Amino acid sequence: MRIAFFPPLACLLAFGAPETSVAASVTDALAPCRVDGIAQEVRCGTVEVPEDPRATGGRRIGIQFAVIPALAKNKAPDPLFVLAGGPGQAATQVASVVVPMLAKVNTRRDIVFVDQRGTGKSNPLLCNPDEKRPRLADTFDVAGQIARVGACLRTLDADPRQYATWIAVRDLDAVRMRLHAAQINLWGASYGTRVGLEYLRQFPDRVRTAVLDGVAPPDMRLPASFAVDGEAALDRMIAACARDAACAARYPDFATQTDALFRRFDTRPVSLPLTDPVTGRVEQLPFTRESMLAALRTPLYAPQLAVMLPYAVDHAFRNDFSPLAAMLTALGSNDSMQLAWGMHFAVICAEDMPRIDASDRAAAAATRFGTGFIDLYERACKEVPHQAAPAEFYDLPTAAVPVLLLSGGADPATPPRHAATVAKALPNSRHLIAPNLGHGISAQGCAPELIARFVRQASFDGIDGACLERLPAPPFFRPPTGDSE
C-alpha cells in the first residue's frame, strides 16, 4: 500500500455520467472462493467492462472482485471498498493485511476488494509474473528494470493507455452496481487515496464515507515529490539521531557519512560483494547511484526499519553494504508489496510525468536525491504508451461527503503536507496526524478503532487524533554485543 520507487523499493471522457452509461455485464455470478491469507471462504465475482470506455463495441476485460461478507445477519447496505496502493498493487493481494485492521467494520459491513484494471486477475500488466520475489541482482539493477518496461508492455495483450486512474474508477462503479449498493464507503492507502479522490470527484452521490491514509492527490507530481519528501524524512531521521544521546554517541558522523555515500556513486557504479538476505548467497553486483537512492529512501517508509539507518550507513561507509541490502529488500520480500509494473507505469506516465516542469526539477536537484527519480521515470515513459489526462482530473473533489484523512509525520512518500492541501478542498473532512509514524497508519495503535467508529456513524463525533499523537517513535537500533561499529 505504498507509492513505489522501483524497489523493492510507484482522453476525452465525459465525467459524472449517469449510471446507465456504464457498460458492464456480469460474467460470473458471485461464487465461493479463497483469497491468499484469508482463512474464511469469501465470495468472488467478475464484471466485464470495455477496455476503452469510448469504444463500447471493442475489446472487453474482466474486473475481478472479492467480497468478505459481514458477520451480522442484519448487515448495513453500504459495503466498504478497499483501494490498494502502488500504483500496481491488487486489492486482493493486500487482503490479509487489511482484513484484521477492518475487523470491526466487517462486523456489519461487507468488505469488497476490487482488483484495479491491470492488477491481480483484472487483465494484469505484469512483467516477470513467475517471480514472486525479485532476485537480489534485479533489486539493485534499477536501470535494467527501466530498460525492460517497454519490451514487457509490448508483449502484453492490453492497451496501456486505458489503465489510468480516471478510467479505472468506472470499474469500481460497475462493481458497486453489480452489488446493488446505492452507496459505498471507501478506504484507500497511498496511491489508493488518489483512486478514492477520483471516484469521489466523478461519483460523489455514491460515496457515504471515505478514509484516505497517506494521501497522494492527483497533482502530486510523482516522482518529483520523491526527492523533496524523501529528503525531509531523511533530515528528520538525522535530527532524531542527533537528539538521542545513545545514537549520537554511537554514530556521531551519521549525517556526514550519509552525504558521503550519496557522493560516492555520483560518477560510476561500484562493484560490491552483497549477501542476499534470503538465500545467504554472496553476489558481486554493480551498486549504482540509483541503487543508493533506493537504499536510503526505502527504509524510511517504516520507522521500525528507519531506526536501523545509522547502523547501516555506518557499515556501508566502511564498505559493508549487507545491512543496507537487507533493509532494501525487506519491504519487497512481502508478497503483498509486489507490483504489476506495467500498470504502475501506465498510471505514472499518463498522470504525473507530463506535469513535471523546470521548477520541479530545480526543487529535486536541491536535495541529496537530485533528479535521479525523475530521470529514471522519464526514460521509462518514453517506452510506455499513454494518453493525456483530462484537465478536470487534477481538480480535487468538493463534495460534502465525510472524509477522514490520515498522515504519518515521518512518511517519506505522502507526508502531511499533501493531505493538508486536500483537506482545504473538502468541506467535511478531518486530518489526523501520527507524528512518529511512517507510510500507512490505519493498522497502528488506536487507528482501527477510529476508522470503525467513523464508518459506523458517518461523522466525526468522538474522532480524536490525540491517541495517534501519543504513539511513540521506535528506539534506535542497538547492535548486538560484539558487533563491530
Foldseek 3Di string as FASTA:
>chain_A
DAAAQVFCFHDDDDFLDDPVLFDKDWPDDWDWDDFPLDDDIWTKTWIKGALDSVCRVDDIWIKIKIKDAAQDPQADLAAEEEFEAHVFFFQSLCCNVVCVLQVLVSNRHIYMTIGFQQYDRGQNLADPVVDLFDDLQSRQPLLVVLVCQLVSNVPGPHALQSRALLNRLSVVVVVCVVSVRQAYEYEYFYVSLCSVQSNCQRPVRRYQEYEYFLHDHLANQPPLLLLVLLQVLLVVLVVVLCVDVVSCVVQVCLPVLLLVVLVVQPPHWDFAFEADPVPRDTDTHTRHSSSSLRLSRRLLQFLVSSLCSSVQSVVVSVRHNHSSSCSRRVVSSRSSSDGRVSSRLSHCLARRLVPDDPVSQVSSCVGSSHCVRNVSSVSSSVSRDHDHDDPCSNPGHARQQEYEYEAELSESRRHCVNVVVNPVRYPRYDYAYQDQGYRGPSNPDCNSVLVSVCVVVSHCVVNDNVRSPPDDRDHRDDDDPPDDD
